[in-house]
All heavy atoms as atom14 arrays in JSON, in Angstrom:
{
  "sequence": "RAGRTGINDMVVDHARETAGRLLESSPVIAAAVHDGSTAVVGVAYRLD",
  "atom14_mask": [
    [1, 1, 1, 1, 1, 1, 1, 1, 1, 1, 1, 0, 0, 0],
    [1, 1, 1, 1, 1, 0, 0, 0, 0, 0, 0, 0, 0, 0],
    [1, 1, 1, 1, 0, 0, 0, 0, 0, 0, 0, 0, 0, 0],
    [1, 1, 1, 1, 1, 1, 1, 1, 1, 1, 1, 0, 0, 0],
    [1, 1, 1, 1, 1, 1, 1, 0, 0, 0, 0, 0, 0, 0],
    [1, 1, 1, 1, 0, 0, 0, 0, 0, 0, 0, 0, 0, 0],
    [1, 1, 1, 1, 1, 1, 1, 1, 0, 0, 0, 0, 0, 0],
    [1, 1, 1, 1, 1, 1, 1, 1, 0, 0, 0, 0, 0, 0],
    [1, 1, 1, 1, 1, 1, 1, 1, 0, 0, 0, 0, 0, 0],
    [1, 1, 1, 1, 1, 1, 1, 1, 0, 0, 0, 0, 0, 0],
    [1, 1, 1, 1, 1, 1, 1, 0, 0, 0, 0, 0, 0, 0],
    [1, 1, 1, 1, 1, 1, 1, 0, 0, 0, 0, 0, 0, 0],
    [1, 1, 1, 1, 1, 1, 1, 1, 0, 0, 0, 0, 0, 0],
    [1, 1, 1, 1, 1, 1, 1, 1, 1, 1, 0, 0, 0, 0],
    [1, 1, 1, 1, 1, 0, 0, 0, 0, 0, 0, 0, 0, 0],
    [1, 1, 1, 1, 1, 1, 1, 1, 1, 1, 1, 0, 0, 0],
    [1, 1, 1, 1, 1, 1, 1, 1, 1, 0, 0, 0, 0, 0],
    [1, 1, 1, 1, 1, 1, 1, 0, 0, 0, 0, 0, 0, 0],
    [1, 1, 1, 1, 1, 0, 0, 0, 0, 0, 0, 0, 0, 0],
    [1, 1, 1, 1, 0, 0, 0, 0, 0, 0, 0, 0, 0, 0],
    [1, 1, 1, 1, 1, 1, 1, 1, 1, 1, 1, 0, 0, 0],
    [1, 1, 1, 1, 1, 1, 1, 1, 0, 0, 0, 0, 0, 0],
    [1, 1, 1, 1, 1, 1, 1, 1, 0, 0, 0, 0, 0, 0],
    [1, 1, 1, 1, 1, 1, 1, 1, 1, 0, 0, 0, 0, 0],
    [1, 1, 1, 1, 1, 1, 0, 0, 0, 0, 0, 0, 0, 0],
    [1, 1, 1, 1, 1, 1, 0, 0, 0, 0, 0, 0, 0, 0],
    [1, 1, 1, 1, 1, 1, 1, 0, 0, 0, 0, 0, 0, 0],
    [1, 1, 1, 1, 1, 1, 1, 0, 0, 0, 0, 0, 0, 0],
    [1, 1, 1, 1, 1, 1, 1, 1, 0, 0, 0, 0, 0, 0],
    [1, 1, 1, 1, 1, 0, 0, 0, 0, 0, 0, 0, 0, 0],
    [1, 1, 1, 1, 1, 0, 0, 0, 0, 0, 0, 0, 0, 0],
    [1, 1, 1, 1, 1, 0, 0, 0, 0, 0, 0, 0, 0, 0],
    [1, 1, 1, 1, 1, 1, 1, 0, 0, 0, 0, 0, 0, 0],
    [1, 1, 1, 1, 1, 1, 1, 1, 1, 1, 0, 0, 0, 0],
    [1, 1, 1, 1, 1, 1, 1, 1, 0, 0, 0, 0, 0, 0],
    [1, 1, 1, 1, 0, 0, 0, 0, 0, 0, 0, 0, 0, 0],
    [1, 1, 1, 1, 1, 1, 0, 0, 0, 0, 0, 0, 0, 0],
    [1, 1, 1, 1, 1, 1, 1, 0, 0, 0, 0, 0, 0, 0],
    [1, 1, 1, 1, 1, 0, 0, 0, 0, 0, 0, 0, 0, 0],
    [1, 1, 1, 1, 1, 1, 1, 0, 0, 0, 0, 0, 0, 0],
    [1, 1, 1, 1, 1, 1, 1, 0, 0, 0, 0, 0, 0, 0],
    [1, 1, 1, 1, 0, 0, 0, 0, 0, 0, 0, 0, 0, 0],
    [1, 1, 1, 1, 1, 1, 1, 0, 0, 0, 0, 0, 0, 0],
    [1, 1, 1, 1, 1, 0, 0, 0, 0, 0, 0, 0, 0, 0],
    [1, 1, 1, 1, 1, 1, 1, 1, 1, 1, 1, 1, 0, 0],
    [1, 1, 1, 1, 1, 1, 1, 1, 1, 1, 1, 0, 0, 0],
    [1, 1, 1, 1, 1, 1, 1, 1, 0, 0, 0, 0, 0, 0],
    [1, 1, 1, 1, 1, 1, 1, 1, 0, 0, 0, 0, 0, 0]
  ],
  "atom14_positions": [
    [[0.82, -1.26, 0.01], [0.02, 0.0, -0.05], [0.8, 1.25, -0.04], [0.43, 2.32, -0.42], [-0.94, -0.05, 1.19], [-2.06, -1.07, 1.03], [-2.91, -1.02, 2.34], [-3.96, -2.06, 2.32], [-4.18, -2.88, 3.37], [-3.46, -2.76, 4.48], [-5.07, -3.87, 3.2], [0.0, 0.0, 0.0], [0.0, 0.0, 0.0], [0.0, 0.0, 0.0]],
    [[2.07, 1.06, 0.6], [3.06, 2.28, 0.66], [3.92, 2.35, -0.64], [4.8, 3.25, -0.79], [3.8, 2.23, 1.89], [0.0, 0.0, 0.0], [0.0, 0.0, 0.0], [0.0, 0.0, 0.0], [0.0, 0.0, 0.0], [0.0, 0.0, 0.0], [0.0, 0.0, 0.0], [0.0, 0.0, 0.0], [0.0, 0.0, 0.0], [0.0, 0.0, 0.0]],
    [[3.66, 1.43, -1.56], [4.56, 1.36, -2.79], [5.8, 0.78, -2.57], [6.79, 0.87, -3.43], [0.0, 0.0, 0.0], [0.0, 0.0, 0.0], [0.0, 0.0, 0.0], [0.0, 0.0, 0.0], [0.0, 0.0, 0.0], [0.0, 0.0, 0.0], [0.0, 0.0, 0.0], [0.0, 0.0, 0.0], [0.0, 0.0, 0.0], [0.0, 0.0, 0.0]],
    [[6.11, 0.01, -1.45], [7.43, -0.68, -1.29], [7.21, -2.1, -1.69], [6.48, -2.96, -1.09], [7.74, -0.6, 0.29], [7.99, 0.82, 0.68], [8.58, 0.9, 2.12], [7.52, 0.53, 3.02], [6.71, 1.49, 3.67], [6.85, 2.8, 3.38], [5.89, 1.11, 4.56], [0.0, 0.0, 0.0], [0.0, 0.0, 0.0], [0.0, 0.0, 0.0]],
    [[7.95, -2.5, -2.81], [7.75, -3.8, -3.36], [8.87, -4.71, -3.16], [8.87, -5.9, -3.62], [7.38, -3.71, -4.89], [8.49, -3.02, -5.52], [6.17, -2.93, -5.12], [0.0, 0.0, 0.0], [0.0, 0.0, 0.0], [0.0, 0.0, 0.0], [0.0, 0.0, 0.0], [0.0, 0.0, 0.0], [0.0, 0.0, 0.0], [0.0, 0.0, 0.0]],
    [[10.05, -4.18, -2.7], [11.12, -5.06, -2.47], [11.09, -5.95, -1.25], [10.54, -5.54, -0.26], [0.0, 0.0, 0.0], [0.0, 0.0, 0.0], [0.0, 0.0, 0.0], [0.0, 0.0, 0.0], [0.0, 0.0, 0.0], [0.0, 0.0, 0.0], [0.0, 0.0, 0.0], [0.0, 0.0, 0.0], [0.0, 0.0, 0.0], [0.0, 0.0, 0.0]],
    [[11.64, -7.15, -1.31], [11.52, -8.05, -0.18], [12.09, -7.47, 1.11], [11.56, -7.51, 2.15], [12.24, -9.41, -0.45], [11.4, -10.18, -1.52], [12.5, -10.25, 0.78], [10.02, -10.62, -1.01], [0.0, 0.0, 0.0], [0.0, 0.0, 0.0], [0.0, 0.0, 0.0], [0.0, 0.0, 0.0], [0.0, 0.0, 0.0], [0.0, 0.0, 0.0]],
    [[13.28, -6.77, 1.01], [13.96, -6.29, 2.18], [13.17, -5.14, 2.76], [13.21, -4.92, 3.95], [15.39, -5.91, 1.88], [16.18, -7.16, 1.48], [15.84, -8.26, 1.8], [17.27, -6.99, 0.84], [0.0, 0.0, 0.0], [0.0, 0.0, 0.0], [0.0, 0.0, 0.0], [0.0, 0.0, 0.0], [0.0, 0.0, 0.0], [0.0, 0.0, 0.0]],
    [[12.44, -4.3, 1.95], [11.56, -3.33, 2.49], [10.46, -3.91, 3.27], [10.0, -3.52, 4.38], [10.97, -2.39, 1.44], [12.07, -1.54, 0.76], [12.89, -1.19, 1.47], [11.85, -1.24, -0.48], [0.0, 0.0, 0.0], [0.0, 0.0, 0.0], [0.0, 0.0, 0.0], [0.0, 0.0, 0.0], [0.0, 0.0, 0.0], [0.0, 0.0, 0.0]],
    [[9.95, -5.08, 2.78], [8.83, -5.81, 3.43], [9.35, -6.5, 4.73], [8.6, -6.48, 5.67], [8.38, -6.87, 2.48], [7.64, -6.31, 1.21], [6.99, -7.66, 0.14], [6.15, -6.59, -1.08], [0.0, 0.0, 0.0], [0.0, 0.0, 0.0], [0.0, 0.0, 0.0], [0.0, 0.0, 0.0], [0.0, 0.0, 0.0], [0.0, 0.0, 0.0]],
    [[10.53, -6.88, 4.75], [11.17, -7.44, 6.02], [11.2, -6.35, 7.13], [10.83, -6.6, 8.28], [12.62, -7.95, 5.71], [13.33, -8.16, 7.09], [12.55, -9.21, 4.92], [0.0, 0.0, 0.0], [0.0, 0.0, 0.0], [0.0, 0.0, 0.0], [0.0, 0.0, 0.0], [0.0, 0.0, 0.0], [0.0, 0.0, 0.0], [0.0, 0.0, 0.0]],
    [[11.59, -5.17, 6.79], [11.58, -4.01, 7.73], [10.13, -3.73, 8.18], [9.89, -3.67, 9.36], [12.21, -2.82, 7.1], [11.97, -1.57, 8.03], [13.6, -2.99, 6.84], [0.0, 0.0, 0.0], [0.0, 0.0, 0.0], [0.0, 0.0, 0.0], [0.0, 0.0, 0.0], [0.0, 0.0, 0.0], [0.0, 0.0, 0.0], [0.0, 0.0, 0.0]],
    [[9.19, -3.6, 7.29], [7.77, -3.41, 7.67], [7.23, -4.49, 8.57], [6.6, -4.27, 9.5], [6.91, -3.22, 6.41], [7.03, -1.87, 5.76], [7.39, -0.89, 6.4], [6.93, -1.82, 4.52], [0.0, 0.0, 0.0], [0.0, 0.0, 0.0], [0.0, 0.0, 0.0], [0.0, 0.0, 0.0], [0.0, 0.0, 0.0], [0.0, 0.0, 0.0]],
    [[7.67, -5.77, 8.2], [7.19, -6.91, 9.02], [7.68, -6.9, 10.42], [6.95, -7.19, 11.38], [7.62, -8.23, 8.31], [6.97, -9.46, 8.91], [5.77, -9.54, 9.47], [7.58, -10.65, 9.22], [5.57, -10.68, 10.01], [6.67, -11.46, 9.91], [0.0, 0.0, 0.0], [0.0, 0.0, 0.0], [0.0, 0.0, 0.0], [0.0, 0.0, 0.0]],
    [[8.94, -6.55, 10.53], [9.47, -6.32, 11.95], [8.72, -5.28, 12.79], [8.38, -5.43, 13.91], [10.96, -6.06, 11.86], [0.0, 0.0, 0.0], [0.0, 0.0, 0.0], [0.0, 0.0, 0.0], [0.0, 0.0, 0.0], [0.0, 0.0, 0.0], [0.0, 0.0, 0.0], [0.0, 0.0, 0.0], [0.0, 0.0, 0.0], [0.0, 0.0, 0.0]],
    [[8.5, -4.07, 12.07], [7.83, -3.0, 12.65], [6.39, -3.43, 13.02], [5.9, -3.21, 14.21], [7.73, -1.89, 11.78], [9.09, -1.11, 11.58], [8.89, -0.11, 10.49], [10.11, 0.75, 10.24], [10.38, 1.32, 9.19], [9.58, 1.2, 8.02], [11.56, 2.02, 9.05], [0.0, 0.0, 0.0], [0.0, 0.0, 0.0], [0.0, 0.0, 0.0]],
    [[5.71, -4.08, 12.11], [4.27, -4.46, 12.31], [4.19, -5.52, 13.44], [3.26, -5.48, 14.21], [3.64, -4.99, 10.99], [3.48, -3.89, 9.89], [2.49, -2.86, 10.35], [1.38, -3.23, 10.81], [2.81, -1.74, 10.27], [0.0, 0.0, 0.0], [0.0, 0.0, 0.0], [0.0, 0.0, 0.0], [0.0, 0.0, 0.0], [0.0, 0.0, 0.0]],
    [[5.2, -6.5, 13.51], [5.05, -7.55, 14.43], [5.28, -6.86, 15.88], [4.61, -7.34, 16.77], [6.2, -8.56, 14.11], [5.99, -9.1, 12.84], [6.09, -9.67, 15.17], [0.0, 0.0, 0.0], [0.0, 0.0, 0.0], [0.0, 0.0, 0.0], [0.0, 0.0, 0.0], [0.0, 0.0, 0.0], [0.0, 0.0, 0.0], [0.0, 0.0, 0.0]],
    [[6.16, -5.94, 15.96], [6.41, -5.35, 17.27], [5.14, -4.61, 17.67], [4.72, -4.7, 18.91], [7.53, -4.33, 17.22], [0.0, 0.0, 0.0], [0.0, 0.0, 0.0], [0.0, 0.0, 0.0], [0.0, 0.0, 0.0], [0.0, 0.0, 0.0], [0.0, 0.0, 0.0], [0.0, 0.0, 0.0], [0.0, 0.0, 0.0], [0.0, 0.0, 0.0]],
    [[4.45, -3.89, 16.8], [3.23, -3.23, 17.2], [2.15, -4.2, 17.48], [1.38, -4.04, 18.52], [0.0, 0.0, 0.0], [0.0, 0.0, 0.0], [0.0, 0.0, 0.0], [0.0, 0.0, 0.0], [0.0, 0.0, 0.0], [0.0, 0.0, 0.0], [0.0, 0.0, 0.0], [0.0, 0.0, 0.0], [0.0, 0.0, 0.0], [0.0, 0.0, 0.0]],
    [[1.98, -5.35, 16.7], [0.94, -6.32, 17.11], [1.16, -7.05, 18.37], [0.28, -7.45, 19.03], [0.83, -7.32, 15.87], [0.13, -6.75, 14.62], [-0.34, -7.86, 13.77], [0.69, -8.57, 13.16], [1.34, -8.21, 11.96], [0.85, -7.19, 11.3], [2.35, -8.91, 11.5], [0.0, 0.0, 0.0], [0.0, 0.0, 0.0], [0.0, 0.0, 0.0]],
    [[2.41, -7.16, 18.72], [2.74, -7.81, 19.98], [2.12, -6.97, 21.12], [1.56, -7.54, 22.05], [4.26, -7.83, 20.12], [4.82, -8.29, 21.47], [4.25, -9.73, 21.8], [6.41, -8.35, 21.41], [0.0, 0.0, 0.0], [0.0, 0.0, 0.0], [0.0, 0.0, 0.0], [0.0, 0.0, 0.0], [0.0, 0.0, 0.0], [0.0, 0.0, 0.0]],
    [[2.25, -5.7, 21.05], [1.75, -4.88, 22.13], [0.14, -4.86, 22.06], [-0.48, -4.9, 23.11], [2.2, -3.37, 22.02], [3.45, -3.11, 22.8], [4.68, -3.75, 22.19], [3.68, -1.61, 22.88], [0.0, 0.0, 0.0], [0.0, 0.0, 0.0], [0.0, 0.0, 0.0], [0.0, 0.0, 0.0], [0.0, 0.0, 0.0], [0.0, 0.0, 0.0]],
    [[-0.36, -4.81, 20.78], [-1.84, -4.97, 20.69], [-2.38, -6.31, 21.3], [-3.5, -6.36, 21.82], [-2.25, -4.81, 19.25], [-1.91, -3.46, 18.69], [-2.15, -3.38, 17.22], [-2.49, -4.42, 16.61], [-1.87, -2.3, 16.62], [0.0, 0.0, 0.0], [0.0, 0.0, 0.0], [0.0, 0.0, 0.0], [0.0, 0.0, 0.0], [0.0, 0.0, 0.0]],
    [[-1.63, -7.4, 21.1], [-2.08, -8.67, 21.47], [-1.87, -9.06, 22.9], [-2.62, -9.93, 23.45], [-1.35, -9.74, 20.63], [-1.55, -9.52, 19.21], [0.0, 0.0, 0.0], [0.0, 0.0, 0.0], [0.0, 0.0, 0.0], [0.0, 0.0, 0.0], [0.0, 0.0, 0.0], [0.0, 0.0, 0.0], [0.0, 0.0, 0.0], [0.0, 0.0, 0.0]],
    [[-0.86, -8.46, 23.57], [-0.59, -8.85, 24.92], [-0.84, -7.68, 25.89], [0.13, -6.78, 25.93], [0.78, -9.32, 25.03], [1.21, -9.55, 26.34], [0.0, 0.0, 0.0], [0.0, 0.0, 0.0], [0.0, 0.0, 0.0], [0.0, 0.0, 0.0], [0.0, 0.0, 0.0], [0.0, 0.0, 0.0], [0.0, 0.0, 0.0], [0.0, 0.0, 0.0]],
    [[-1.86, -7.64, 26.7], [-1.98, -6.59, 27.76], [-0.78, -6.63, 28.76], [-0.49, -5.63, 29.29], [-3.33, -6.97, 28.41], [-4.05, -7.75, 27.37], [-3.02, -8.45, 26.61], [0.0, 0.0, 0.0], [0.0, 0.0, 0.0], [0.0, 0.0, 0.0], [0.0, 0.0, 0.0], [0.0, 0.0, 0.0], [0.0, 0.0, 0.0], [0.0, 0.0, 0.0]],
    [[-0.23, -7.77, 28.92], [0.84, -7.97, 29.93], [2.06, -7.18, 29.49], [2.73, -6.39, 30.22], [1.25, -9.45, 30.19], [2.49, -9.58, 30.91], [0.08, -10.18, 30.81], [0.0, 0.0, 0.0], [0.0, 0.0, 0.0], [0.0, 0.0, 0.0], [0.0, 0.0, 0.0], [0.0, 0.0, 0.0], [0.0, 0.0, 0.0], [0.0, 0.0, 0.0]],
    [[2.37, -7.38, 28.21], [3.58, -6.63, 27.68], [3.33, -5.23, 27.52], [4.13, -4.35, 27.77], [4.05, -7.35, 26.28], [4.46, -8.76, 26.6], [5.11, -6.54, 25.67], [4.76, -9.63, 25.35], [0.0, 0.0, 0.0], [0.0, 0.0, 0.0], [0.0, 0.0, 0.0], [0.0, 0.0, 0.0], [0.0, 0.0, 0.0], [0.0, 0.0, 0.0]],
    [[2.06, -4.82, 26.97], [1.74, -3.5, 26.82], [1.84, -2.65, 28.21], [2.3, -1.53, 28.24], [0.34, -3.34, 26.29], [0.0, 0.0, 0.0], [0.0, 0.0, 0.0], [0.0, 0.0, 0.0], [0.0, 0.0, 0.0], [0.0, 0.0, 0.0], [0.0, 0.0, 0.0], [0.0, 0.0, 0.0], [0.0, 0.0, 0.0], [0.0, 0.0, 0.0]],
    [[1.39, -3.39, 29.23], [1.42, -2.66, 30.58], [2.93, -2.52, 31.03], [3.22, -1.44, 31.6], [0.71, -3.51, 31.6], [0.0, 0.0, 0.0], [0.0, 0.0, 0.0], [0.0, 0.0, 0.0], [0.0, 0.0, 0.0], [0.0, 0.0, 0.0], [0.0, 0.0, 0.0], [0.0, 0.0, 0.0], [0.0, 0.0, 0.0], [0.0, 0.0, 0.0]],
    [[3.73, -3.44, 30.74], [5.1, -3.34, 31.05], [5.86, -2.23, 30.27], [6.74, -1.48, 30.83], [5.86, -4.66, 30.81], [0.0, 0.0, 0.0], [0.0, 0.0, 0.0], [0.0, 0.0, 0.0], [0.0, 0.0, 0.0], [0.0, 0.0, 0.0], [0.0, 0.0, 0.0], [0.0, 0.0, 0.0], [0.0, 0.0, 0.0], [0.0, 0.0, 0.0]],
    [[5.49, -2.06, 29.03], [6.04, -0.9, 28.17], [5.5, 0.35, 28.79], [6.27, 1.32, 28.92], [5.66, -1.1, 26.73], [6.01, 0.1, 25.97], [6.35, -2.37, 26.17], [0.0, 0.0, 0.0], [0.0, 0.0, 0.0], [0.0, 0.0, 0.0], [0.0, 0.0, 0.0], [0.0, 0.0, 0.0], [0.0, 0.0, 0.0], [0.0, 0.0, 0.0]],
    [[4.22, 0.37, 29.15], [3.6, 1.55, 29.65], [4.27, 2.09, 30.94], [4.43, 3.32, 31.16], [2.17, 1.39, 29.84], [1.36, 2.6, 30.35], [1.1, 3.72, 29.61], [0.9, 2.96, 31.59], [0.47, 4.62, 30.25], [0.32, 4.2, 31.47], [0.0, 0.0, 0.0], [0.0, 0.0, 0.0], [0.0, 0.0, 0.0], [0.0, 0.0, 0.0]],
    [[4.64, 1.21, 31.81], [5.22, 1.6, 33.09], [6.77, 1.73, 33.02], [7.37, 2.06, 34.0], [4.77, 0.61, 34.22], [5.43, -0.78, 34.13], [6.41, -0.93, 33.46], [4.83, -1.67, 34.83], [0.0, 0.0, 0.0], [0.0, 0.0, 0.0], [0.0, 0.0, 0.0], [0.0, 0.0, 0.0], [0.0, 0.0, 0.0], [0.0, 0.0, 0.0]],
    [[7.33, 1.53, 31.85], [8.67, 1.78, 31.65], [9.63, 0.68, 31.97], [10.87, 0.74, 31.92], [0.0, 0.0, 0.0], [0.0, 0.0, 0.0], [0.0, 0.0, 0.0], [0.0, 0.0, 0.0], [0.0, 0.0, 0.0], [0.0, 0.0, 0.0], [0.0, 0.0, 0.0], [0.0, 0.0, 0.0], [0.0, 0.0, 0.0], [0.0, 0.0, 0.0]],
    [[9.12, -0.44, 32.45], [9.99, -1.65, 32.82], [10.46, -2.45, 31.71], [11.42, -3.2, 31.83], [9.22, -2.53, 33.89], [8.01, -3.01, 33.26], [0.0, 0.0, 0.0], [0.0, 0.0, 0.0], [0.0, 0.0, 0.0], [0.0, 0.0, 0.0], [0.0, 0.0, 0.0], [0.0, 0.0, 0.0], [0.0, 0.0, 0.0], [0.0, 0.0, 0.0]],
    [[9.79, -2.31, 30.53], [10.16, -3.1, 29.39], [9.99, -2.25, 28.09], [9.18, -1.33, 28.07], [9.2, -4.37, 29.18], [9.37, -5.18, 30.36], [9.59, -5.22, 27.96], [0.0, 0.0, 0.0], [0.0, 0.0, 0.0], [0.0, 0.0, 0.0], [0.0, 0.0, 0.0], [0.0, 0.0, 0.0], [0.0, 0.0, 0.0], [0.0, 0.0, 0.0]],
    [[10.84, -2.49, 27.12], [10.72, -1.91, 25.8], [10.6, -2.99, 24.75], [11.04, -4.1, 24.99], [11.88, -1.01, 25.47], [0.0, 0.0, 0.0], [0.0, 0.0, 0.0], [0.0, 0.0, 0.0], [0.0, 0.0, 0.0], [0.0, 0.0, 0.0], [0.0, 0.0, 0.0], [0.0, 0.0, 0.0], [0.0, 0.0, 0.0], [0.0, 0.0, 0.0]],
    [[9.89, -2.64, 23.74], [9.81, -3.62, 22.58], [10.4, -2.98, 21.4], [9.95, -1.78, 21.01], [8.34, -3.97, 22.31], [8.28, -4.9, 21.06], [7.72, -4.73, 23.5], [0.0, 0.0, 0.0], [0.0, 0.0, 0.0], [0.0, 0.0, 0.0], [0.0, 0.0, 0.0], [0.0, 0.0, 0.0], [0.0, 0.0, 0.0], [0.0, 0.0, 0.0]],
    [[11.38, -3.55, 20.58], [11.93, -2.98, 19.49], [11.82, -3.87, 18.29], [11.87, -5.17, 18.38], [13.44, -2.67, 19.7], [13.53, -1.62, 20.83], [14.28, -3.85, 19.99], [0.0, 0.0, 0.0], [0.0, 0.0, 0.0], [0.0, 0.0, 0.0], [0.0, 0.0, 0.0], [0.0, 0.0, 0.0], [0.0, 0.0, 0.0], [0.0, 0.0, 0.0]],
    [[11.74, -3.28, 17.12], [11.91, -4.02, 15.85], [13.28, -3.91, 15.3], [13.76, -2.75, 15.24], [0.0, 0.0, 0.0], [0.0, 0.0, 0.0], [0.0, 0.0, 0.0], [0.0, 0.0, 0.0], [0.0, 0.0, 0.0], [0.0, 0.0, 0.0], [0.0, 0.0, 0.0], [0.0, 0.0, 0.0], [0.0, 0.0, 0.0], [0.0, 0.0, 0.0]],
    [[13.87, -4.96, 14.77], [15.21, -4.96, 14.31], [15.35, -5.78, 13.0], [14.77, -6.8, 12.89], [16.17, -5.54, 15.34], [17.59, -5.7, 14.77], [16.23, -4.65, 16.61], [0.0, 0.0, 0.0], [0.0, 0.0, 0.0], [0.0, 0.0, 0.0], [0.0, 0.0, 0.0], [0.0, 0.0, 0.0], [0.0, 0.0, 0.0], [0.0, 0.0, 0.0]],
    [[16.0, -5.17, 12.03], [16.27, -5.81, 10.77], [17.75, -6.21, 10.66], [18.56, -5.28, 10.85], [15.81, -4.88, 9.62], [0.0, 0.0, 0.0], [0.0, 0.0, 0.0], [0.0, 0.0, 0.0], [0.0, 0.0, 0.0], [0.0, 0.0, 0.0], [0.0, 0.0, 0.0], [0.0, 0.0, 0.0], [0.0, 0.0, 0.0], [0.0, 0.0, 0.0]],
    [[18.03, -7.42, 10.38], [19.44, -7.87, 10.29], [19.81, -8.06, 8.85], [19.1, -8.64, 8.02], [19.43, -9.24, 11.06], [20.81, -9.94, 10.91], [21.87, -9.4, 11.72], [21.01, -10.96, 10.16], [23.2, -10.05, 11.68], [22.22, -11.67, 10.1], [23.25, -11.15, 10.86], [24.58, -11.77, 10.85], [0.0, 0.0, 0.0], [0.0, 0.0, 0.0]],
    [[21.03, -7.56, 8.53], [21.61, -7.66, 7.19], [22.55, -8.87, 7.17], [23.59, -8.91, 7.87], [22.37, -6.45, 6.88], [21.53, -5.18, 6.93], [20.63, -4.96, 5.72], [21.39, -4.96, 4.46], [20.77, -4.73, 3.27], [19.38, -4.61, 3.26], [21.45, -4.71, 2.17], [0.0, 0.0, 0.0], [0.0, 0.0, 0.0], [0.0, 0.0, 0.0]],
    [[22.15, -9.88, 6.38], [22.92, -11.15, 6.42], [24.31, -10.92, 5.98], [25.26, -11.59, 6.6], [22.25, -12.16, 5.44], [20.88, -12.68, 5.8], [20.19, -13.48, 4.68], [20.95, -13.51, 7.13], [0.0, 0.0, 0.0], [0.0, 0.0, 0.0], [0.0, 0.0, 0.0], [0.0, 0.0, 0.0], [0.0, 0.0, 0.0], [0.0, 0.0, 0.0]],
    [[24.58, -10.16, 4.91], [25.97, -10.0, 4.36], [26.86, -9.19, 5.43], [27.94, -9.58, 5.74], [25.95, -9.36, 3.11], [27.36, -9.26, 2.35], [28.01, -10.33, 2.38], [27.81, -8.19, 1.93], [0.0, 0.0, 0.0], [0.0, 0.0, 0.0], [0.0, 0.0, 0.0], [0.0, 0.0, 0.0], [0.0, 0.0, 0.0], [0.0, 0.0, 0.0]]
  ]
}
């Protein structure tokens, strides 16, 4: 939808979206992020 058609662009979006969905899916983790005891990050790894 954003016009990004390359696999590696999709990999970055997938990491971002998964991190966001994790907070949406787990009230336990969302609460830990809200109170500052935990952070959730998305990371893309370059194989080469």
